[in-house]
Amino acid sequence: METKSMSIKELAVELIVEITAVCDNIKGRSVFTNQLLRSCSSIGANSHEARYAQSRADFINKMEIALKECYETEYWLEILFKVNTIDGATYKALINKCGVIRRKLIASVTTAKNNSK
């Protein structure tokens, strides 16, 4: 399935599955991998929760939290790459997927804010 046509939640689930597999093979960096798993799993959890928001403001808040978690996920991936824990190809693939999610989250938040005016 092409990533551009996938929903944020679908992409987030795919990303956490891939990141979990990567983290399962990393030894001795649990401080980093635990943070990465937390931030990555939060992207999908918050975007899923936003679907059932109580108001537009609640929706925007949850999507903005998901966006912050996406930025944090990118940070932890960069750290793992810089300390030579993940290879360049894996890093690039995961960062690219985060970028797709980030752009979709930004578009969603921007649309919701514009529609609330």
PDB file of N, CA and C in Angstrom:
ATOM      1  N   MET A   1       0.842  -1.178   0.000  1.00  0.00           N
ATOM      2  CA  MET A   1       0.000   0.000   0.000  1.00  0.00           C
ATOM      3  C   MET A   1       0.890   1.246   0.000  1.00  0.00           C
ATOM      4  N   GLU A   2       0.534   2.216  -0.817  1.00  0.00           N
ATOM      5  CA  GLU A   2       1.304   3.459  -0.898  1.00  0.00           C
ATOM      6  C   GLU A   2       1.060   4.294   0.353  1.00  0.00           C
ATOM      7  N   THR A   3       2.132   4.820   0.949  1.00  0.00           N
ATOM      8  CA  THR A   3       2.018   5.541   2.221  1.00  0.00           C
ATOM      9  C   THR A   3       1.175   6.802   2.112  1.00  0.00           C
ATOM     10  N   LYS A   4       1.154   7.448   0.961  1.00  0.00           N
ATOM     11  CA  LYS A   4       0.389   8.691   0.831  1.00  0.00           C
ATOM     12  C   LYS A   4      -1.110   8.458   0.968  1.00  0.00           C
ATOM     13  N   SER A   5      -1.589   7.285   0.607  1.00  0.00           N
ATOM     14  CA  SER A   5      -3.016   7.008   0.696  1.00  0.00           C
ATOM     15  C   SER A   5      -3.420   6.396   2.043  1.00  0.00           C
ATOM     16  N   MET A   6      -2.445   6.099   2.876  1.00  0.00           N
ATOM     17  CA  MET A   6      -2.735   5.502   4.184  1.00  0.00           C
ATOM     18  C   MET A   6      -3.120   6.581   5.187  1.00  0.00           C
ATOM     19  N   SER A   7      -3.947   6.215   6.146  1.00  0.00           N
ATOM     20  CA  SER A   7      -4.316   7.151   7.203  1.00  0.00           C
ATOM     21  C   SER A   7      -3.158   7.323   8.182  1.00  0.00           C
ATOM     22  N   ILE A   8      -3.245   8.372   8.982  1.00  0.00           N
ATOM     23  CA  ILE A   8      -2.223   8.610  10.001  1.00  0.00           C
ATOM     24  C   ILE A   8      -2.122   7.405  10.923  1.00  0.00           C
ATOM     25  N   LYS A   9      -3.263   6.901  11.352  1.00  0.00           N
ATOM     26  CA  LYS A   9      -3.261   5.750  12.259  1.00  0.00           C
ATOM     27  C   LYS A   9      -2.606   4.534  11.606  1.00  0.00           C
ATOM     28  N   GLU A  10      -2.942   4.258  10.343  1.00  0.00           N
ATOM     29  CA  GLU A  10      -2.342   3.119   9.649  1.00  0.00           C
ATOM     30  C   GLU A  10      -0.825   3.273   9.547  1.00  0.00           C
ATOM     31  N   LEU A  11      -0.392   4.470   9.201  1.00  0.00           N
ATOM     32  CA  LEU A  11       1.049   4.731   9.117  1.00  0.00           C
ATOM     33  C   LEU A  11       1.718   4.600  10.480  1.00  0.00           C
ATOM     34  N   ALA A  12       1.047   5.111  11.519  1.00  0.00           N
ATOM     35  CA  ALA A  12       1.611   5.043  12.869  1.00  0.00           C
ATOM     36  C   ALA A  12       1.731   3.599  13.344  1.00  0.00           C
ATOM     37  N   VAL A  13       0.741   2.780  13.034  1.00  0.00           N
ATOM     38  CA  VAL A  13       0.800   1.365  13.415  1.00  0.00           C
ATOM     39  C   VAL A  13       1.945   0.678  12.674  1.00  0.00           C
ATOM     40  N   GLU A  14       2.063   0.963  11.385  1.00  0.00           N
ATOM     41  CA  GLU A  14       3.154   0.385  10.602  1.00  0.00           C
ATOM     42  C   GLU A  14       4.512   0.820  11.156  1.00  0.00           C
ATOM     43  N   LEU A  15       4.606   2.099  11.523  1.00  0.00           N
ATOM     44  CA  LEU A  15       5.867   2.615  12.062  1.00  0.00           C
ATOM     45  C   LEU A  15       6.223   1.945  13.389  1.00  0.00           C
ATOM     46  N   ILE A  16       5.265   1.801  14.300  1.00  0.00           N
ATOM     47  CA  ILE A  16       5.579   1.200  15.599  1.00  0.00           C
ATOM     48  C   ILE A  16       5.953  -0.270  15.430  1.00  0.00           C
ATOM     49  N   VAL A  17       5.339  -0.951  14.480  1.00  0.00           N
ATOM     50  CA  VAL A  17       5.711  -2.352  14.220  1.00  0.00           C
ATOM     51  C   VAL A  17       7.169  -2.423  13.752  1.00  0.00           C
ATOM     52  N   GLU A  18       7.530  -1.532  12.828  1.00  0.00           N
ATOM     53  CA  GLU A  18       8.905  -1.525  12.312  1.00  0.00           C
ATOM     54  C   GLU A  18       9.900  -1.116  13.399  1.00  0.00           C
ATOM     55  N   ILE A  19       9.564  -0.092  14.172  1.00  0.00           N
ATOM     56  CA  ILE A  19      10.473   0.367  15.217  1.00  0.00           C
ATOM     57  C   ILE A  19      10.608  -0.675  16.327  1.00  0.00           C
ATOM     58  N   THR A  20       9.534  -1.364  16.643  1.00  0.00           N
ATOM     59  CA  THR A  20       9.603  -2.429  17.649  1.00  0.00           C
ATOM     60  C   THR A  20      10.570  -3.520  17.193  1.00  0.00           C
ATOM     61  N   ALA A  21      10.488  -3.894  15.924  1.00  0.00           N
ATOM     62  CA  ALA A  21      11.401  -4.920  15.393  1.00  0.00           C
ATOM     63  C   ALA A  21      12.848  -4.452  15.473  1.00  0.00           C
ATOM     64  N   VAL A  22      13.089  -3.191  15.162  1.00  0.00           N
ATOM     65  CA  VAL A  22      14.448  -2.643  15.245  1.00  0.00           C
ATOM     66  C   VAL A  22      14.923  -2.651  16.700  1.00  0.00           C
ATOM     67  N   CYS A  23      14.082  -2.152  17.599  1.00  0.00           N
ATOM     68  CA  CYS A  23      14.469  -2.056  19.013  1.00  0.00           C
ATOM     69  C   CYS A  23      14.689  -3.423  19.644  1.00  0.00           C
ATOM     70  N   ASP A  24      13.935  -4.424  19.197  1.00  0.00           N
ATOM     71  CA  ASP A  24      14.110  -5.779  19.725  1.00  0.00           C
ATOM     72  C   ASP A  24      15.511  -6.320  19.455  1.00  0.00           C
ATOM     73  N   ASN A  25      16.169  -5.793  18.432  1.00  0.00           N
ATOM     74  CA  ASN A  25      17.509  -6.266  18.063  1.00  0.00           C
ATOM     75  C   ASN A  25      18.633  -5.384  18.593  1.00  0.00           C
ATOM     76  N   ILE A  26      18.286  -4.369  19.374  1.00  0.00           N
ATOM     77  CA  ILE A  26      19.299  -3.465  19.922  1.00  0.00           C
ATOM     78  C   ILE A  26      19.562  -3.847  21.366  1.00  0.00           C
ATOM     79  N   LYS A  27      20.807  -4.081  21.666  1.00  0.00           N
ATOM     80  CA  LYS A  27      21.202  -4.430  23.036  1.00  0.00           C
ATOM     81  C   LYS A  27      22.003  -3.295  23.641  1.00  0.00           C
ATOM     82  N   GLY A  28      21.815  -3.028  24.913  1.00  0.00           N
ATOM     83  CA  GLY A  28      22.643  -2.070  25.627  1.00  0.00           C
ATOM     84  C   GLY A  28      22.273  -0.611  25.445  1.00  0.00           C
ATOM     85  N   ARG A  29      21.172  -0.332  24.834  1.00  0.00           N
ATOM     86  CA  ARG A  29      20.736   1.056  24.627  1.00  0.00           C
ATOM     87  C   ARG A  29      19.289   1.231  25.079  1.00  0.00           C
ATOM     88  N   SER A  30      18.929   0.565  26.158  1.00  0.00           N
ATOM     89  CA  SER A  30      17.526   0.564  26.592  1.00  0.00           C
ATOM     90  C   SER A  30      17.000   1.951  26.949  1.00  0.00           C
ATOM     91  N   VAL A  31      17.863   2.839  27.416  1.00  0.00           N
ATOM     92  CA  VAL A  31      17.415   4.203  27.716  1.00  0.00           C
ATOM     93  C   VAL A  31      16.864   4.835  26.442  1.00  0.00           C
ATOM     94  N   PHE A  32      17.575   4.676  25.334  1.00  0.00           N
ATOM     95  CA  PHE A  32      17.155   5.257  24.061  1.00  0.00           C
ATOM     96  C   PHE A  32      15.969   4.505  23.457  1.00  0.00           C
ATOM     97  N   THR A  33      16.052   3.184  23.441  1.00  0.00           N
ATOM     98  CA  THR A  33      14.988   2.414  22.794  1.00  0.00           C
ATOM     99  C   THR A  33      13.665   2.536  23.545  1.00  0.00           C
ATOM    100  N   ASN A  34      13.714   2.600  24.883  1.00  0.00           N
ATOM    101  CA  ASN A  34      12.469   2.778  25.647  1.00  0.00           C
ATOM    102  C   ASN A  34      11.808   4.110  25.310  1.00  0.00           C
ATOM    103  N   GLN A  35      12.607   5.173  25.218  1.00  0.00           N
ATOM    104  CA  GLN A  35      12.069   6.491  24.871  1.00  0.00           C
ATOM    105  C   GLN A  35      11.499   6.480  23.454  1.00  0.00           C
ATOM    106  N   LEU A  36      12.213   5.838  22.539  1.00  0.00           N
ATOM    107  CA  LEU A  36      11.757   5.751  21.154  1.00  0.00           C
ATOM    108  C   LEU A  36      10.431   4.999  21.061  1.00  0.00           C
ATOM    109  N   LEU A  37      10.325   3.886  21.751  1.00  0.00           N
ATOM    110  CA  LEU A  37       9.087   3.108  21.721  1.00  0.00           C
ATOM    111  C   LEU A  37       7.922   3.885  22.334  1.00  0.00           C
ATOM    112  N   ARG A  38       8.194   4.617  23.402  1.00  0.00           N
ATOM    113  CA  ARG A  38       7.135   5.420  24.028  1.00  0.00           C
ATOM    114  C   ARG A  38       6.628   6.516  23.099  1.00  0.00           C
ATOM    115  N   SER A  39       7.572   7.273  22.530  1.00  0.00           N
ATOM    116  CA  SER A  39       7.156   8.386  21.671  1.00  0.00           C
ATOM    117  C   SER A  39       6.469   7.876  20.409  1.00  0.00           C
ATOM    118  N   CYS A  40       7.001   6.838  19.826  1.00  0.00           N
ATOM    119  CA  CYS A  40       6.418   6.303  18.593  1.00  0.00           C
ATOM    120  C   CYS A  40       5.018   5.743  18.827  1.00  0.00           C
ATOM    121  N   SER A  41       4.845   5.007  19.901  1.00  0.00           N
ATOM    122  CA  SER A  41       3.522   4.430  20.167  1.00  0.00           C
ATOM    123  C   SER A  41       2.502   5.514  20.497  1.00  0.00           C
ATOM    124  N   SER A  42       2.968   6.623  21.023  1.00  0.00           N
ATOM    125  CA  SER A  42       2.078   7.726  21.363  1.00  0.00           C
ATOM    126  C   SER A  42       1.515   8.428  20.125  1.00  0.00           C
ATOM    127  N   ILE A  43       2.227   8.386  19.011  1.00  0.00           N
ATOM    128  CA  ILE A  43       1.725   8.999  17.777  1.00  0.00           C
ATOM    129  C   ILE A  43       0.395   8.362  17.401  1.00  0.00           C
ATOM    130  N   GLY A  44       0.397   7.051  17.305  1.00  0.00           N
ATOM    131  CA  GLY A  44      -0.816   6.334  16.924  1.00  0.00           C
ATOM    132  C   GLY A  44      -1.904   6.423  17.971  1.00  0.00           C
ATOM    133  N   ALA A  45      -1.517   6.346  19.225  1.00  0.00           N
ATOM    134  CA  ALA A  45      -2.516   6.394  20.307  1.00  0.00           C
ATOM    135  C   ALA A  45      -3.249   7.731  20.308  1.00  0.00           C
ATOM    136  N   ASN A  46      -2.504   8.820  20.183  1.00  0.00           N
ATOM    137  CA  ASN A  46      -3.141  10.138  20.202  1.00  0.00           C
ATOM    138  C   ASN A  46      -3.938  10.427  18.938  1.00  0.00           C
ATOM    139  N   SER A  47      -3.433  10.008  17.786  1.00  0.00           N
ATOM    140  CA  SER A  47      -4.194  10.236  16.555  1.00  0.00           C
ATOM    141  C   SER A  47      -5.463   9.381  16.539  1.00  0.00           C
ATOM    142  N   HIS A  48      -5.387   8.197  17.099  1.00  0.00           N
ATOM    143  CA  HIS A  48      -6.588   7.349  17.193  1.00  0.00           C
ATOM    144  C   HIS A  48      -7.595   7.963  18.169  1.00  0.00           C
ATOM    145  N   GLU A  49      -7.094   8.423  19.294  1.00  0.00           N
ATOM    146  CA  GLU A  49      -7.958   9.045  20.294  1.00  0.00           C
ATOM    147  C   GLU A  49      -8.617  10.309  19.738  1.00  0.00           C
ATOM    148  N   ALA A  50      -7.909  11.027  18.871  1.00  0.00           N
ATOM    149  CA  ALA A  50      -8.453  12.260  18.285  1.00  0.00           C
ATOM    150  C   ALA A  50      -9.713  11.987  17.462  1.00  0.00           C
ATOM    151  N   ARG A  51      -9.820  10.810  16.915  1.00  0.00           N
ATOM    152  CA  ARG A  51     -11.018  10.459  16.135  1.00  0.00           C
ATOM    153  C   ARG A  51     -12.280  10.503  16.991  1.00  0.00           C
ATOM    154  N   TYR A  52     -12.112  10.374  18.277  1.00  0.00           N
ATOM    155  CA  TYR A  52     -13.250  10.362  19.196  1.00  0.00           C
ATOM    156  C   TYR A  52     -13.229  11.566  20.126  1.00  0.00           C
ATOM    157  N   ALA A  53     -12.643  12.645  19.624  1.00  0.00           N
ATOM    158  CA  ALA A  53     -12.515  13.864  20.427  1.00  0.00           C
ATOM    159  C   ALA A  53     -13.893  14.420  20.785  1.00  0.00           C
ATOM    160  N   GLN A  54     -13.947  15.094  21.922  1.00  0.00           N
ATOM    161  CA  GLN A  54     -15.204  15.660  22.402  1.00  0.00           C
ATOM    162  C   GLN A  54     -15.529  16.998  21.747  1.00  0.00           C
ATOM    163  N   SER A  55     -14.523  17.615  21.139  1.00  0.00           N
ATOM    164  CA  SER A  55     -14.723  18.903  20.481  1.00  0.00           C
ATOM    165  C   SER A  55     -13.606  19.101  19.462  1.00  0.00           C
ATOM    166  N   ARG A  56     -13.734  20.142  18.641  1.00  0.00           N
ATOM    167  CA  ARG A  56     -12.678  20.449  17.680  1.00  0.00           C
ATOM    168  C   ARG A  56     -11.387  20.804  18.416  1.00  0.00           C
ATOM    169  N   ALA A  57     -11.517  21.542  19.526  1.00  0.00           N
ATOM    170  CA  ALA A  57     -10.333  21.908  20.317  1.00  0.00           C
ATOM    171  C   ALA A  57      -9.653  20.655  20.876  1.00  0.00           C
ATOM    172  N   ASP A  58     -10.436  19.696  21.330  1.00  0.00           N
ATOM    173  CA  ASP A  58      -9.891  18.439  21.835  1.00  0.00           C
ATOM    174  C   ASP A  58      -9.183  17.674  20.712  1.00  0.00           C
ATOM    175  N   PHE A  59      -9.806  17.659  19.528  1.00  0.00           N
ATOM    176  CA  PHE A  59      -9.204  17.013  18.358  1.00  0.00           C
ATOM    177  C   PHE A  59      -7.852  17.643  18.046  1.00  0.00           C
ATOM    178  N   ILE A  60      -7.821  18.975  17.977  1.00  0.00           N
ATOM    179  CA  ILE A  60      -6.587  19.692  17.665  1.00  0.00           C
ATOM    180  C   ILE A  60      -5.523  19.387  18.712  1.00  0.00           C
ATOM    181  N   ASN A  61      -5.911  19.408  19.978  1.00  0.00           N
ATOM    182  CA  ASN A  61      -4.966  19.131  21.057  1.00  0.00           C
ATOM    183  C   ASN A  61      -4.337  17.745  20.919  1.00  0.00           C
ATOM    184  N   LYS A  62      -5.154  16.731  20.665  1.00  0.00           N
ATOM    185  CA  LYS A  62      -4.636  15.366  20.547  1.00  0.00           C
ATOM    186  C   LYS A  62      -3.744  15.211  19.311  1.00  0.00           C
ATOM    187  N   MET A  63      -4.117  15.858  18.213  1.00  0.00           N
ATOM    188  CA  MET A  63      -3.304  15.782  17.005  1.00  0.00           C
ATOM    189  C   MET A  63      -1.987  16.536  17.191  1.00  0.00           C
ATOM    190  N   GLU A  64      -2.009  17.633  17.933  1.00  0.00           N
ATOM    191  CA  GLU A  64      -0.767  18.355  18.216  1.00  0.00           C
ATOM    192  C   GLU A  64       0.149  17.547  19.134  1.00  0.00           C
ATOM    193  N   ILE A  65      -0.429  16.807  20.057  1.00  0.00           N
ATOM    194  CA  ILE A  65       0.380  15.908  20.899  1.00  0.00           C
ATOM    195  C   ILE A  65       1.015  14.827  20.023  1.00  0.00           C
ATOM    196  N   ALA A  66       0.230  14.258  19.107  1.00  0.00           N
ATOM    197  CA  ALA A  66       0.771  13.249  18.188  1.00  0.00           C
ATOM    198  C   ALA A  66       1.915  13.839  17.371  1.00  0.00           C
ATOM    199  N   LEU A  67       1.766  15.092  16.951  1.00  0.00           N
ATOM    200  CA  LEU A  67       2.819  15.755  16.181  1.00  0.00           C
ATOM    201  C   LEU A  67       4.092  15.924  17.017  1.00  0.00           C
ATOM    202  N   LYS A  68       3.930  16.340  18.266  1.00  0.00           N
ATOM    203  CA  LYS A  68       5.095  16.468  19.149  1.00  0.00           C
ATOM    204  C   LYS A  68       5.785  15.121  19.334  1.00  0.00           C
ATOM    205  N   GLU A  69       5.000  14.074  19.488  1.00  0.00           N
ATOM    206  CA  GLU A  69       5.566  12.733  19.650  1.00  0.00           C
ATOM    207  C   GLU A  69       6.287  12.274  18.380  1.00  0.00           C
ATOM    208  N   CYS A  70       5.779  12.697  17.237  1.00  0.00           N
ATOM    209  CA  CYS A  70       6.437  12.377  15.971  1.00  0.00           C
ATOM    210  C   CYS A  70       7.810  13.044  15.910  1.00  0.00           C
ATOM    211  N   TYR A  71       7.876  14.320  16.300  1.00  0.00           N
ATOM    212  CA  TYR A  71       9.167  15.017  16.349  1.00  0.00           C
ATOM    213  C   TYR A  71      10.113  14.331  17.335  1.00  0.00           C
ATOM    214  N   GLU A  72       9.578  13.890  18.477  1.00  0.00           N
ATOM    215  CA  GLU A  72      10.419  13.207  19.457  1.00  0.00           C
ATOM    216  C   GLU A  72      10.923  11.875  18.904  1.00  0.00           C
ATOM    217  N   THR A  73      10.077  11.167  18.186  1.00  0.00           N
ATOM    218  CA  THR A  73      10.482   9.901  17.571  1.00  0.00           C
ATOM    219  C   THR A  73      11.638  10.130  16.610  1.00  0.00           C
ATOM    220  N   GLU A  74      11.540  11.188  15.811  1.00  0.00           N
ATOM    221  CA  GLU A  74      12.629  11.525  14.889  1.00  0.00           C
ATOM    222  C   GLU A  74      13.922  11.813  15.661  1.00  0.00           C
ATOM    223  N   TYR A  75      13.805  12.482  16.794  1.00  0.00           N
ATOM    224  CA  TYR A  75      14.974  12.780  17.627  1.00  0.00           C
ATOM    225  C   TYR A  75      15.657  11.499  18.094  1.00  0.00           C
ATOM    226  N   TRP A  76      14.891  10.569  18.663  1.00  0.00           N
ATOM    227  CA  TRP A  76      15.482   9.332  19.183  1.00  0.00           C
ATOM    228  C   TRP A  76      16.074   8.481  18.059  1.00  0.00           C
ATOM    229  N   LEU A  77      15.436   8.490  16.890  1.00  0.00           N
ATOM    230  CA  LEU A  77      16.016   7.781  15.747  1.00  0.00           C
ATOM    231  C   LEU A  77      17.371   8.385  15.375  1.00  0.00           C
ATOM    232  N   GLU A  78      17.437   9.710  15.381  1.00  0.00           N
ATOM    233  CA  GLU A  78      18.701  10.377  15.068  1.00  0.00           C
ATOM    234  C   GLU A  78      19.786   9.998  16.083  1.00  0.00           C
ATOM    235  N   ILE A  79      19.412   9.965  17.361  1.00  0.00           N
ATOM    236  CA  ILE A  79      20.386   9.591  18.393  1.00  0.00           C
ATOM    237  C   ILE A  79      20.900   8.174  18.141  1.00  0.00           C
ATOM    238  N   LEU A  80      19.999   7.239  17.888  1.00  0.00           N
ATOM    239  CA  LEU A  80      20.416   5.851  17.649  1.00  0.00           C
ATOM    240  C   LEU A  80      21.296   5.736  16.407  1.00  0.00           C
ATOM    241  N   PHE A  81      21.012   6.540  15.401  1.00  0.00           N
ATOM    242  CA  PHE A  81      21.857   6.551  14.207  1.00  0.00           C
ATOM    243  C   PHE A  81      23.231   7.129  14.527  1.00  0.00           C
ATOM    244  N   LYS A  82      23.270   8.233  15.243  1.00  0.00           N
ATOM    245  CA  LYS A  82      24.534   8.918  15.538  1.00  0.00           C
ATOM    246  C   LYS A  82      25.446   8.098  16.446  1.00  0.00           C
ATOM    247  N   VAL A  83      24.861   7.246  17.298  1.00  0.00           N
ATOM    248  CA  VAL A  83      25.694   6.394  18.157  1.00  0.00           C
ATOM    249  C   VAL A  83      25.931   5.021  17.508  1.00  0.00           C
ATOM    250  N   ASN A  84      25.681   4.959  16.199  1.00  0.00           N
ATOM    251  CA  ASN A  84      25.954   3.756  15.394  1.00  0.00           C
ATOM    252  C   ASN A  84      25.187   2.524  15.865  1.00  0.00           C
ATOM    253  N   THR A  85      23.954   2.739  16.304  1.00  0.00           N
ATOM    254  CA  THR A  85      23.132   1.622  16.750  1.00  0.00           C
ATOM    255  C   THR A  85      22.201   1.132  15.645  1.00  0.00           C
ATOM    256  N   ILE A  86      21.802   2.034  14.753  1.00  0.00           N
ATOM    257  CA  ILE A  86      21.024   1.632  13.578  1.00  0.00           C
ATOM    258  C   ILE A  86      21.772   2.104  12.330  1.00  0.00           C
ATOM    259  N   ASP A  87      21.651   1.322  11.271  1.00  0.00           N
ATOM    260  CA  ASP A  87      22.371   1.642  10.037  1.00  0.00           C
ATOM    261  C   ASP A  87      21.660   2.747   9.255  1.00  0.00           C
ATOM    262  N   GLY A  88      22.363   3.291   8.287  1.00  0.00           N
ATOM    263  CA  GLY A  88      21.858   4.406   7.499  1.00  0.00           C
ATOM    264  C   GLY A  88      20.580   4.105   6.745  1.00  0.00           C
ATOM    265  N   ALA A  89      20.479   2.921   6.169  1.00  0.00           N
ATOM    266  CA  ALA A  89      19.283   2.571   5.400  1.00  0.00           C
ATOM    267  C   ALA A  89      18.053   2.476   6.299  1.00  0.00           C
ATOM    268  N   THR A  90      18.218   1.869   7.456  1.00  0.00           N
ATOM    269  CA  THR A  90      17.113   1.754   8.414  1.00  0.00           C
ATOM    270  C   THR A  90      16.710   3.134   8.910  1.00  0.00           C
ATOM    271  N   TYR A  91      17.701   3.936   9.254  1.00  0.00           N
ATOM    272  CA  TYR A  91      17.439   5.297   9.726  1.00  0.00           C
ATOM    273  C   TYR A  91      16.664   6.096   8.677  1.00  0.00           C
ATOM    274  N   LYS A  92      17.130   6.053   7.445  1.00  0.00           N
ATOM    275  CA  LYS A  92      16.486   6.819   6.379  1.00  0.00           C
ATOM    276  C   LYS A  92      15.041   6.367   6.165  1.00  0.00           C
ATOM    277  N   ALA A  93      14.816   5.067   6.151  1.00  0.00           N
ATOM    278  CA  ALA A  93      13.465   4.540   5.931  1.00  0.00           C
ATOM    279  C   ALA A  93      12.515   4.969   7.050  1.00  0.00           C
ATOM    280  N   LEU A  94      12.986   4.890   8.294  1.00  0.00           N
ATOM    281  CA  LEU A  94      12.127   5.249   9.430  1.00  0.00           C
ATOM    282  C   LEU A  94      11.903   6.754   9.504  1.00  0.00           C
ATOM    283  N   ILE A  95      12.934   7.544   9.227  1.00  0.00           N
ATOM    284  CA  ILE A  95      12.792   9.001   9.222  1.00  0.00           C
ATOM    285  C   ILE A  95      11.836   9.439   8.112  1.00  0.00           C
ATOM    286  N   ASN A  96      11.928   8.795   6.958  1.00  0.00           N
ATOM    287  CA  ASN A  96      11.018   9.125   5.860  1.00  0.00           C
ATOM    288  C   ASN A  96       9.569   8.827   6.240  1.00  0.00           C
ATOM    289  N   LYS A  97       9.341   7.703   6.905  1.00  0.00           N
ATOM    290  CA  LYS A  97       7.984   7.362   7.326  1.00  0.00           C
ATOM    291  C   LYS A  97       7.485   8.368   8.369  1.00  0.00           C
ATOM    292  N   CYS A  98       8.357   8.761   9.295  1.00  0.00           N
ATOM    293  CA  CYS A  98       7.991   9.799  10.263  1.00  0.00           C
ATOM    294  C   CYS A  98       7.639  11.098   9.543  1.00  0.00           C
ATOM    295  N   GLY A  99       8.391  11.424   8.503  1.00  0.00           N
ATOM    296  CA  GLY A  99       8.128  12.640   7.737  1.00  0.00           C
ATOM    297  C   GLY A  99       6.760  12.633   7.090  1.00  0.00           C
ATOM    298  N   VAL A 100       6.363  11.501   6.551  1.00  0.00           N
ATOM    299  CA  VAL A 100       5.029  11.376   5.951  1.00  0.00           C
ATOM    300  C   VAL A 100       3.966  11.593   7.029  1.00  0.00           C
ATOM    301  N   ILE A 101       4.137  10.947   8.171  1.00  0.00           N
ATOM    302  CA  ILE A 101       3.178  11.103   9.272  1.00  0.00           C
ATOM    303  C   ILE A 101       3.150  12.555   9.737  1.00  0.00           C
ATOM    304  N   ARG A 102       4.317  13.161   9.907  1.00  0.00           N
ATOM    305  CA  ARG A 102       4.407  14.546  10.381  1.00  0.00           C
ATOM    306  C   ARG A 102       3.661  15.490   9.439  1.00  0.00           C
ATOM    307  N   ARG A 103       3.882  15.334   8.141  1.00  0.00           N
ATOM    308  CA  ARG A 103       3.207  16.207   7.176  1.00  0.00           C
ATOM    309  C   ARG A 103       1.699  16.011   7.216  1.00  0.00           C
ATOM    310  N   LYS A 104       1.249  14.780   7.379  1.00  0.00           N
ATOM    311  CA  LYS A 104      -0.193  14.522   7.476  1.00  0.00           C
ATOM    312  C   LYS A 104      -0.772  15.129   8.760  1.00  0.00           C
ATOM    313  N   LEU A 105      -0.038  15.016   9.847  1.00  0.00           N
ATOM    314  CA  LEU A 105      -0.505  15.610  11.108  1.00  0.00           C
ATOM    315  C   LEU A 105      -0.572  17.130  10.995  1.00  0.00           C
ATOM    316  N   ILE A 106       0.431  17.740  10.410  1.00  0.00           N
ATOM    317  CA  ILE A 106       0.430  19.195  10.235  1.00  0.00           C
ATOM    318  C   ILE A 106      -0.760  19.616   9.379  1.00  0.00           C
ATOM    319  N   ALA A 107      -1.002  18.906   8.291  1.00  0.00           N
ATOM    320  CA  ALA A 107      -2.124  19.230   7.415  1.00  0.00           C
ATOM    321  C   ALA A 107      -3.455  19.087   8.153  1.00  0.00           C
ATOM    322  N   SER A 108      -3.576  18.047   8.948  1.00  0.00           N
ATOM    323  CA  SER A 108      -4.807  17.808   9.697  1.00  0.00           C
ATOM    324  C   SER A 108      -5.049  18.909  10.729  1.00  0.00           C
ATOM    325  N   VAL A 109      -4.016  19.278  11.466  1.00  0.00           N
ATOM    326  CA  VAL A 109      -4.134  20.332  12.478  1.00  0.00           C
ATOM    327  C   VAL A 109      -4.453  21.666  11.808  1.00  0.00           C
ATOM    328  N   THR A 110      -3.765  21.965  10.720  1.00  0.00           N
ATOM    329  CA  THR A 110      -3.992  23.227  10.004  1.00  0.00           C
ATOM    330  C   THR A 110      -5.428  23.303   9.499  1.00  0.00           C
ATOM    331  N   THR A 111      -5.917  22.225   8.899  1.00  0.00           N
ATOM    332  CA  THR A 111      -7.300  22.190   8.414  1.00  0.00           C
ATOM    333  C   THR A 111      -8.292  22.368   9.557  1.00  0.00           C
ATOM    334  N   ALA A 112      -8.071  21.667  10.648  1.00  0.00           N
ATOM    335  CA  ALA A 112      -8.992  21.772  11.796  1.00  0.00           C
ATOM    336  C   ALA A 112      -8.993  23.188  12.361  1.00  0.00           C
ATOM    337  N   LYS A 113      -7.819  23.806  12.445  1.00  0.00           N
ATOM    338  CA  LYS A 113      -7.750  25.184  12.965  1.00  0.00           C
ATOM    339  C   LYS A 113      -8.443  26.154  12.003  1.00  0.00           C
ATOM    340  N   ASN A 114      -8.233  25.983  10.714  1.00  0.00           N
ATOM    341  CA  ASN A 114      -8.870  26.856   9.723  1.00  0.00           C
ATOM    342  C   ASN A 114     -10.380  26.698   9.717  1.00  0.00           C
ATOM    343  N   ASN A 115     -10.855  25.480   9.943  1.00  0.00           N
ATOM    344  CA  ASN A 115     -12.300  25.231   9.959  1.00  0.00           C
ATOM    345  C   ASN A 115     -12.974  25.721  11.225  1.00  0.00           C
ATOM    346  N   SER A 116     -12.178  26.029  12.238  1.00  0.00           N
ATOM    347  CA  SER A 116     -12.774  26.484  13.500  1.00  0.00           C
ATOM    348  C   SER A 116     -12.884  28.008  13.554  1.00  0.00           C
ATOM    349  N   LYS A 117     -12.422  28.661  12.507  1.00  0.00           N
ATOM    350  CA  LYS A 117     -12.473  30.139  12.471  1.00  0.00           C
ATOM    351  C   LYS A 117     -13.808  30.636  12.002  1.00  0.00           C
TER     352      LYS A 117
END
